[in-house]
Amino acid sequence: MKPFVWAFFLVVTLVVQTTWLPLVTVGGARPDLLLLVVVSTGLLLGREHGVGMGFFAGLLQDLVSGNIFGVSVLSKTATGYLSGVMERNVFKENVLLPLMGVVVATVFNSAVMVVMLIFLGFAVDIPTAVANTLFVLGYNAVLAIPVHQIVYRIAKNEIADPNVK
């Protein structure tokens, strides 16, 4: 993994997510670009990279957002692991791969966050959380393929050849 390239990419993604994306919110929901990067990294490079990217993306998001520290770290790390587990079972050039992965990952990520908040004793309005998840899911589905293409270009040299053991 090219650590400086990935770190720069994560910071740029975070800047875009925190500056421009709040301008396109619907019902308080906006796309989660960091989640898209985590999912694509996991699907393309495996669970170790997915977990690493999930951890650092969640850490950056928690540091910048001012929300409960650790919720994004745990949810994005778990999502990176889940995406990475699928790495050997998918055809990486399939255009529907990021779309299917993002649908599952968005629901999983939101569910982990809601469960963590409930576990920590916070009151969570489930219907609002479900509605928010659906809006985020719509946004993420639209952006899944372009973000996946960018991550694919960055990771192109690191993707394992399935013919080599």
Protein backbone atom coordinates (compact mmCIF):
# COMPACT_ATOMS: atom_id res chain seq x y z
CA MET A 1 0.00 0.00 0.00
CA LYS A 2 1.29 3.44 -0.87
CA PRO A 3 0.73 5.07 2.53
CA PHE A 4 1.32 8.67 1.51
CA VAL A 5 -0.93 8.44 -1.54
CA TRP A 6 -3.70 6.80 0.51
CA ALA A 7 -3.31 9.31 3.36
CA PHE A 8 -3.51 12.22 0.93
CA PHE A 9 -6.55 10.67 -0.76
CA LEU A 10 -8.29 10.19 2.61
CA VAL A 11 -7.62 13.79 3.63
CA VAL A 12 -8.89 15.14 0.29
CA THR A 13 -11.99 12.94 0.60
CA LEU A 14 -12.56 14.20 4.14
CA VAL A 15 -12.21 17.82 3.03
CA VAL A 16 -14.75 17.32 0.23
CA GLN A 17 -17.11 15.49 2.59
CA THR A 18 -16.98 18.18 5.26
CA THR A 19 -17.00 21.29 3.05
CA TRP A 20 -19.00 20.67 -0.13
CA LEU A 21 -21.33 17.81 0.72
CA PRO A 22 -23.19 19.63 3.52
CA LEU A 23 -24.51 21.86 0.74
CA VAL A 24 -26.44 18.93 -0.79
CA THR A 25 -28.19 17.53 2.26
CA VAL A 26 -31.73 16.16 2.10
CA GLY A 27 -33.42 15.67 5.43
CA GLY A 28 -30.07 16.05 7.17
CA ALA A 29 -28.54 13.18 5.16
CA ARG A 30 -25.57 13.50 2.85
CA PRO A 31 -23.34 11.04 1.04
CA ASP A 32 -20.59 9.35 3.01
CA LEU A 33 -17.57 9.50 0.70
CA LEU A 34 -15.29 8.03 3.34
CA LEU A 35 -17.51 4.96 3.53
CA LEU A 36 -17.37 4.62 -0.25
CA VAL A 37 -13.57 4.72 -0.15
CA VAL A 38 -13.48 2.12 2.63
CA VAL A 39 -15.81 -0.23 0.76
CA SER A 40 -13.91 0.09 -2.52
CA THR A 41 -10.56 -0.40 -0.82
CA GLY A 42 -11.79 -3.50 0.96
CA LEU A 43 -13.33 -4.97 -2.19
CA LEU A 44 -10.22 -4.30 -4.26
CA LEU A 45 -7.37 -4.94 -1.83
CA GLY A 46 -8.71 -7.26 0.87
CA ARG A 47 -9.61 -7.16 4.51
CA GLU A 48 -6.26 -5.90 5.88
CA HIS A 49 -6.40 -2.83 3.67
CA GLY A 50 -10.15 -2.45 4.22
CA VAL A 51 -9.69 -2.53 8.01
CA GLY A 52 -6.79 -0.07 7.85
CA MET A 53 -8.63 2.32 5.60
CA GLY A 54 -11.80 1.94 7.71
CA PHE A 55 -9.92 2.69 10.91
CA PHE A 56 -8.20 5.81 9.60
CA ALA A 57 -11.29 7.07 7.74
CA GLY A 58 -13.39 6.62 10.88
CA LEU A 59 -10.72 8.25 13.03
CA LEU A 60 -10.53 11.28 10.76
CA GLN A 61 -14.31 11.52 10.63
CA ASP A 62 -14.61 11.30 14.41
CA LEU A 63 -11.89 13.92 14.93
CA VAL A 64 -13.49 16.38 12.53
CA SER A 65 -17.20 15.81 13.19
CA GLY A 66 -17.30 16.40 16.92
CA ASN A 67 -19.72 13.52 17.37
CA ILE A 68 -19.23 10.71 19.87
CA PHE A 69 -15.63 9.65 19.48
CA GLY A 70 -15.16 6.05 18.37
CA VAL A 71 -18.52 5.40 16.74
CA SER A 72 -17.26 6.06 13.21
CA VAL A 73 -13.98 4.29 13.93
CA LEU A 74 -15.71 1.09 14.94
CA SER A 75 -18.42 1.18 12.26
CA LYS A 76 -16.04 1.96 9.39
CA THR A 77 -13.45 -0.57 10.59
CA ALA A 78 -16.11 -3.28 10.73
CA THR A 79 -17.41 -2.23 7.32
CA GLY A 80 -13.87 -2.33 5.88
CA TYR A 81 -13.44 -5.84 7.25
CA LEU A 82 -16.78 -6.98 5.83
CA SER A 83 -15.91 -5.53 2.42
CA GLY A 84 -12.44 -7.02 2.51
CA VAL A 85 -13.74 -10.51 3.25
CA MET A 86 -15.49 -10.42 -0.13
CA GLU A 87 -12.31 -9.44 -2.03
CA ARG A 88 -11.41 -12.94 -3.23
CA ASN A 89 -14.99 -13.77 -4.19
CA VAL A 90 -15.67 -10.90 -6.60
CA PHE A 91 -14.70 -9.91 -10.11
CA LYS A 92 -12.97 -6.58 -9.48
CA GLU A 93 -13.70 -5.07 -12.89
CA ASN A 94 -17.47 -5.63 -12.59
CA VAL A 95 -19.22 -2.27 -12.81
CA LEU A 96 -22.00 -3.40 -10.44
CA LEU A 97 -19.55 -4.46 -7.72
CA PRO A 98 -19.28 -1.06 -6.02
CA LEU A 99 -23.01 -0.52 -6.26
CA MET A 100 -23.88 -3.82 -4.56
CA GLY A 101 -21.09 -3.40 -2.03
CA VAL A 102 -22.16 0.12 -1.11
CA VAL A 103 -25.80 -0.89 -0.63
CA VAL A 104 -24.83 -3.60 1.85
CA ALA A 105 -22.13 -1.48 3.49
CA THR A 106 -24.34 1.58 3.98
CA VAL A 107 -27.03 -0.45 5.72
CA PHE A 108 -24.42 -2.34 7.79
CA ASN A 109 -22.55 0.85 8.75
CA SER A 110 -25.76 2.60 9.81
CA ALA A 111 -26.93 -0.43 11.79
CA VAL A 112 -23.60 -0.64 13.65
CA MET A 113 -23.77 3.06 14.49
CA VAL A 114 -27.36 2.83 15.76
CA VAL A 115 -26.60 -0.25 17.86
CA MET A 116 -23.53 1.47 19.34
CA LEU A 117 -25.51 4.59 20.21
CA ILE A 118 -28.24 2.52 21.86
CA PHE A 119 -25.59 0.50 23.72
CA LEU A 120 -24.02 3.74 24.96
CA GLY A 121 -27.38 4.87 26.32
CA PHE A 122 -28.40 7.45 23.74
CA ALA A 123 -32.00 7.77 22.63
CA VAL A 124 -32.26 6.83 18.95
CA ASP A 125 -35.40 7.47 16.93
CA ILE A 126 -35.46 4.31 14.77
CA PRO A 127 -37.85 5.62 12.05
CA THR A 128 -35.68 8.71 11.61
CA ALA A 129 -32.53 6.58 11.52
CA VAL A 130 -34.07 4.33 8.85
CA ALA A 131 -35.17 7.34 6.76
CA ASN A 132 -31.71 8.87 7.09
CA THR A 133 -30.12 5.58 6.04
CA LEU A 134 -32.32 5.45 2.93
CA PHE A 135 -31.32 8.98 1.90
CA VAL A 136 -27.64 8.19 2.48
CA LEU A 137 -28.09 4.94 0.56
CA GLY A 138 -29.47 6.85 -2.42
CA TYR A 139 -26.61 9.34 -2.39
CA ASN A 140 -24.00 6.62 -1.93
CA ALA A 141 -25.46 4.55 -4.77
CA VAL A 142 -25.13 7.50 -7.15
CA LEU A 143 -21.50 8.14 -6.15
CA ALA A 144 -20.40 4.50 -5.73
CA ILE A 145 -19.17 3.88 -9.27
CA PRO A 146 -17.19 7.14 -9.73
CA VAL A 147 -15.51 6.77 -6.33
CA HIS A 148 -14.77 3.09 -7.02
CA GLN A 149 -13.12 4.04 -10.33
CA ILE A 150 -10.85 6.53 -8.54
CA VAL A 151 -9.91 3.99 -5.87
CA TYR A 152 -9.34 1.36 -8.59
CA ARG A 153 -6.91 3.67 -10.39
CA ILE A 154 -4.99 4.35 -7.19
CA ALA A 155 -4.93 0.65 -6.22
CA LYS A 156 -4.33 -0.74 -9.72
CA ASN A 157 -0.72 -1.79 -9.07
CA GLU A 158 -1.57 -3.30 -5.68
CA ILE A 159 -4.46 -5.51 -6.74
CA ALA A 160 -3.48 -9.15 -6.41
CA ASP A 161 -3.54 -11.22 -9.57
CA PRO A 162 -5.89 -14.19 -8.95
CA ASN A 163 -3.73 -16.34 -11.23
CA VAL A 164 -0.66 -15.91 -9.01
CA LYS A 165 -0.52 -17.88 -5.77
